Amino acid sequence: MGVGLGVAMMMQQAGALVGATPQVDIDRIEAEVRKAKAEGRTVTLINGCLYFDYQLVAQIPPHVDLSV
């Protein structure tokens, strides 16, 4: 299950990044992370990619520190 989930997340990330825009509004992202946590959703940050319930929502630049 772990490997399959990882492969699925990588495939989704690759597909989403093809049309992704580099603009990231950090304040909006932090607000969305807080909201997702309050709703009990799974929030994951792996290799600069932010997922809510295993769905890619944003790519975070390496210099940004999300401390929410």
Protein backbone atom coordinates (compact mmCIF):
# COMPACT_ATOMS: atom_id res chain seq x y z
CA MET A 1 0.00 0.00 0.00
CA GLY A 2 2.79 2.47 0.84
CA VAL A 3 4.59 2.09 -2.48
CA GLY A 4 1.36 2.27 -4.45
CA LEU A 5 0.32 5.45 -2.67
CA GLY A 6 3.74 7.00 -3.30
CA VAL A 7 3.58 6.14 -6.99
CA ALA A 8 0.07 7.54 -7.27
CA MET A 9 1.15 10.81 -5.60
CA MET A 10 4.17 11.09 -7.92
CA MET A 11 2.04 10.48 -11.02
CA GLN A 12 -0.48 13.09 -9.94
CA GLN A 13 2.31 15.55 -9.16
CA ALA A 14 3.88 15.03 -12.59
CA GLY A 15 0.56 15.57 -14.34
CA ALA A 16 -0.30 18.66 -12.32
CA LEU A 17 3.10 20.28 -12.75
CA VAL A 18 2.87 20.16 -16.54
CA GLY A 19 0.39 23.05 -16.44
CA ALA A 20 1.35 24.55 -13.07
CA THR A 21 2.12 28.22 -12.65
CA PRO A 22 5.06 29.24 -10.44
CA GLN A 23 3.08 31.94 -8.59
CA VAL A 24 2.37 30.99 -4.98
CA ASP A 25 0.46 33.19 -2.53
CA ILE A 26 1.96 32.04 0.77
CA ASP A 27 -0.67 33.77 2.93
CA ARG A 28 -3.44 31.99 1.01
CA ILE A 29 -1.62 28.65 1.26
CA GLU A 30 -1.15 29.03 5.03
CA ALA A 31 -4.85 29.87 5.42
CA GLU A 32 -5.82 26.82 3.35
CA VAL A 33 -3.53 24.58 5.44
CA ARG A 34 -5.14 25.85 8.67
CA LYS A 35 -8.62 25.30 7.21
CA ALA A 36 -7.77 21.79 6.00
CA LYS A 37 -6.34 20.86 9.41
CA ALA A 38 -9.43 22.24 11.16
CA GLU A 39 -11.61 20.11 8.86
CA GLY A 40 -9.59 17.02 9.78
CA ARG A 41 -8.14 16.54 6.30
CA THR A 42 -4.74 14.94 5.70
CA VAL A 43 -2.12 17.64 5.04
CA THR A 44 1.21 16.46 3.62
CA LEU A 45 4.27 18.41 2.50
CA ILE A 46 6.77 16.25 0.60
CA ASN A 47 9.66 17.59 -1.47
CA GLY A 48 8.06 21.02 -1.72
CA CYS A 49 4.69 19.67 -2.87
CA LEU A 50 1.66 20.31 -0.68
CA TYR A 51 -1.13 17.72 -0.66
CA PHE A 52 -4.58 17.81 0.96
CA ASP A 53 -6.09 14.31 1.24
CA TYR A 54 -3.39 13.06 -1.18
CA GLN A 55 -4.40 15.61 -3.86
CA LEU A 56 -1.69 18.01 -5.04
CA VAL A 57 -2.71 21.61 -4.29
CA ALA A 58 0.54 23.59 -4.58
CA GLN A 59 4.26 23.45 -5.09
CA ILE A 60 6.05 25.43 -2.39
CA PRO A 61 9.38 27.13 -3.21
CA PRO A 62 12.31 25.77 -1.15
CA HIS A 63 12.96 29.09 0.63
CA VAL A 64 9.43 29.23 2.12
CA ASP A 65 8.88 28.00 5.68
CA LEU A 66 5.31 26.87 6.31
CA SER A 67 4.97 26.80 10.07
CA VAL A 68 1.24 26.28 10.53
